[in-house]
Amino acid sequence: MALQSSLCSYRKHQERKRVVKKSLHYTECFEEIIYRIHLLDKNSQAMWGKMNVCQMMRHCNLVLQVPIRKLELPKINRLFTAIGTITKWEIQIFNNGIPRNMPTFQKLIINFECDFEEEKENLLKTLAEYRICFGNKNLPENHVLFGKMKEEDWGFLEYKHLHHHLKQFNV
């Protein structure tokens, strides 16, 4: 009985570890995100937030453009960077999700109509570009909000961000 309990406890611990390690840098996680994007359609409804599905994909695309250096975020106050660094650690240590309706950079807010198929195609294209950038070991060493970034930080946080928004649309 004690052995069975220990085994169950160990399995749960291993499952939590696997969740913590999800990253766009792992092929299976990358493919999972692609699959989930393909589950979206122009009528997908948000369970929370103000964005429609098209706006969400455009937002995710813009966020992915930061590490591939196609989009530069504005400099922010050092206090906000300190808060961002602490938030990054908290998400990594406790595997917390990204809070719903969290504020974001003005550049990343999409509040206009866009074309679903075009945004889906652009998001998938940017994901492929991100994968190449990662493969070439060309990810930035810093993020204006999260501070110093290692390769694994990018993969983990980009996965978390995409997961958050795909979950928002129930996929």
Protein backbone atom coordinates (compact mmCIF):
# COMPACT_ATOMS: atom_id res chain seq x y z
CA MET A 1 0.00 0.00 0.00
CA ALA A 2 2.78 2.43 0.97
CA LEU A 3 4.68 1.50 -2.21
CA GLN A 4 1.58 2.17 -4.34
CA SER A 5 1.09 5.55 -2.64
CA SER A 6 4.73 6.45 -3.24
CA LEU A 7 4.46 5.41 -6.87
CA CYS A 8 1.35 7.60 -7.36
CA SER A 9 3.09 10.50 -5.68
CA TYR A 10 6.15 10.02 -7.91
CA ARG A 11 3.99 9.90 -11.07
CA LYS A 12 2.20 13.12 -10.11
CA HIS A 13 5.57 14.77 -9.46
CA GLN A 14 6.84 13.62 -12.88
CA GLU A 15 3.67 14.94 -14.58
CA ARG A 16 4.16 18.33 -12.92
CA LYS A 17 7.79 18.36 -14.05
CA ARG A 18 6.74 17.64 -17.66
CA VAL A 19 4.25 20.51 -17.56
CA VAL A 20 6.90 22.90 -16.23
CA LYS A 21 9.25 21.89 -19.03
CA LYS A 22 6.86 22.63 -21.91
CA SER A 23 8.67 24.86 -24.36
CA LEU A 24 8.46 25.90 -27.99
CA HIS A 25 11.96 24.46 -28.25
CA TYR A 26 10.67 20.90 -27.89
CA THR A 27 9.34 19.48 -31.14
CA GLU A 28 6.29 17.87 -29.52
CA CYS A 29 5.30 21.14 -27.80
CA PHE A 30 5.88 23.15 -30.97
CA GLU A 31 3.74 20.71 -32.96
CA GLU A 32 1.07 20.79 -30.23
CA ILE A 33 0.80 24.58 -30.59
CA ILE A 34 0.57 24.30 -34.40
CA TYR A 35 -2.15 21.65 -34.07
CA ARG A 36 -4.12 23.81 -31.62
CA ILE A 37 -3.88 26.83 -33.94
CA HIS A 38 -5.35 24.68 -36.72
CA LEU A 39 -8.31 23.90 -34.43
CA LEU A 40 -9.30 27.57 -34.42
CA ASP A 41 -11.86 28.89 -36.86
CA LYS A 42 -13.23 32.36 -37.55
CA ASN A 43 -16.19 31.65 -35.27
CA SER A 44 -14.12 30.53 -32.25
CA GLN A 45 -15.43 32.37 -29.19
CA ALA A 46 -13.29 33.71 -26.35
CA MET A 47 -14.04 32.50 -22.85
CA TRP A 48 -12.64 35.78 -21.48
CA GLY A 49 -11.06 39.01 -22.70
CA LYS A 50 -11.86 41.60 -25.35
CA MET A 51 -10.10 40.16 -28.41
CA ASN A 52 -11.77 38.05 -31.04
CA VAL A 53 -9.92 35.02 -32.47
CA CYS A 54 -8.36 36.99 -35.32
CA GLN A 55 -7.11 39.73 -33.00
CA MET A 56 -5.69 37.11 -30.63
CA MET A 57 -3.67 35.50 -33.43
CA ARG A 58 -2.33 38.90 -34.50
CA HIS A 59 -1.40 39.67 -30.88
CA CYS A 60 0.41 36.31 -30.54
CA ASN A 61 2.19 36.95 -33.82
CA LEU A 62 3.45 40.32 -32.58
CA VAL A 63 4.64 38.83 -29.28
CA LEU A 64 6.61 36.18 -31.23
CA GLN A 65 8.18 38.92 -33.36
CA VAL A 66 10.03 40.26 -30.30
CA PRO A 67 12.51 37.36 -29.94
CA ILE A 68 13.09 37.20 -33.71
CA ARG A 69 13.88 40.92 -33.60
CA LYS A 70 11.14 42.01 -36.00
CA LEU A 71 9.43 44.07 -33.29
CA GLU A 72 11.06 46.18 -30.62
CA LEU A 73 9.16 46.99 -27.45
CA PRO A 74 9.56 50.45 -25.90
CA LYS A 75 11.88 50.93 -22.94
CA ILE A 76 10.13 50.86 -19.59
CA ASN A 77 10.77 52.04 -16.06
CA ARG A 78 13.29 49.90 -14.10
CA LEU A 79 10.65 49.20 -11.47
CA PHE A 80 8.46 47.52 -14.11
CA THR A 81 11.44 45.50 -15.33
CA ALA A 82 12.05 44.37 -11.73
CA ILE A 83 8.40 43.35 -11.43
CA GLY A 84 8.63 41.58 -14.80
CA THR A 85 11.74 39.68 -13.72
CA ILE A 86 10.02 38.52 -10.53
CA THR A 87 6.94 37.53 -12.55
CA LYS A 88 9.15 35.51 -14.94
CA TRP A 89 10.68 33.62 -11.99
CA GLU A 90 7.27 33.04 -10.42
CA ILE A 91 5.83 31.61 -13.64
CA GLN A 92 8.85 29.33 -14.02
CA ILE A 93 9.04 28.16 -10.41
CA PHE A 94 5.33 27.68 -9.72
CA ASN A 95 4.27 27.02 -13.33
CA ASN A 96 1.58 29.66 -12.93
CA GLY A 97 -0.43 30.54 -15.95
CA ILE A 98 -0.59 34.06 -17.27
CA PRO A 99 -3.38 35.95 -15.45
CA ARG A 100 -6.52 36.73 -17.47
CA ASN A 101 -6.91 40.30 -18.74
CA MET A 102 -3.32 41.16 -17.79
CA PRO A 103 -2.12 44.56 -19.09
CA THR A 104 0.23 44.51 -22.08
CA PHE A 105 2.34 46.88 -24.14
CA GLN A 106 0.31 49.29 -26.29
CA LYS A 107 2.15 47.98 -29.39
CA LEU A 108 0.72 44.52 -28.71
CA ILE A 109 -2.92 45.54 -28.29
CA ILE A 110 -5.06 44.68 -31.30
CA ASN A 111 -8.42 46.47 -31.22
CA PHE A 112 -9.28 46.55 -34.91
CA GLU A 113 -10.74 44.02 -37.32
CA CYS A 114 -8.47 41.76 -39.32
CA ASP A 115 -8.69 38.80 -41.69
CA PHE A 116 -8.81 35.39 -39.99
CA GLU A 117 -7.02 33.35 -42.69
CA GLU A 118 -4.32 35.99 -43.15
CA GLU A 119 -3.63 36.21 -39.40
CA LYS A 120 -3.56 32.43 -39.04
CA GLU A 121 -1.08 32.14 -41.91
CA ASN A 122 1.06 34.96 -40.49
CA LEU A 123 1.12 33.41 -37.01
CA LEU A 124 2.19 30.03 -38.40
CA LYS A 125 4.87 31.73 -40.51
CA THR A 126 6.22 33.66 -37.53
CA LEU A 127 6.26 30.46 -35.46
CA ALA A 128 8.41 28.84 -38.18
CA GLU A 129 10.72 31.89 -38.16
CA TYR A 130 10.98 31.66 -34.36
CA ARG A 131 11.97 28.00 -34.66
CA ILE A 132 14.74 28.92 -37.16
CA CYS A 133 15.95 31.75 -34.93
CA PHE A 134 16.12 29.34 -31.99
CA GLY A 135 17.88 26.71 -34.13
CA ASN A 136 20.49 29.31 -35.11
CA LYS A 137 20.98 30.23 -31.43
CA ASN A 138 19.95 33.78 -32.27
CA LEU A 139 17.48 34.64 -29.48
CA PRO A 140 18.04 37.94 -27.62
CA GLU A 141 19.73 37.97 -24.22
CA ASN A 142 17.28 40.52 -22.80
CA HIS A 143 13.59 41.39 -22.80
CA VAL A 144 12.46 44.89 -21.81
CA LEU A 145 9.95 43.50 -19.28
CA PHE A 146 11.48 40.19 -18.18
CA GLY A 147 15.13 41.31 -18.07
CA LYS A 148 17.94 38.84 -18.74
CA MET A 149 16.73 35.91 -20.83
CA LYS A 150 18.28 32.53 -21.48
CA GLU A 151 17.30 30.36 -24.42
CA GLU A 152 15.11 28.18 -22.20
CA ASP A 153 13.34 31.28 -20.81
CA TRP A 154 12.24 32.26 -24.32
CA GLY A 155 10.95 28.80 -25.19
CA PHE A 156 9.09 28.42 -21.91
CA LEU A 157 7.53 31.90 -21.84
CA GLU A 158 6.56 31.91 -25.52
CA TYR A 159 4.90 28.51 -25.04
CA LYS A 160 3.08 29.80 -21.93
CA HIS A 161 1.85 32.87 -23.80
CA LEU A 162 0.52 30.88 -26.76
CA HIS A 163 -1.01 28.27 -24.44
CA HIS A 164 -2.76 31.05 -22.47
CA HIS A 165 -4.40 32.51 -25.58
CA LEU A 166 -5.28 29.17 -27.16
CA LYS A 167 -6.90 28.17 -23.87
CA GLN A 168 -8.77 31.49 -24.01
CA PHE A 169 -10.41 30.16 -27.20
CA ASN A 170 -10.94 26.68 -25.74
CA VAL A 171 -8.33 24.86 -27.84
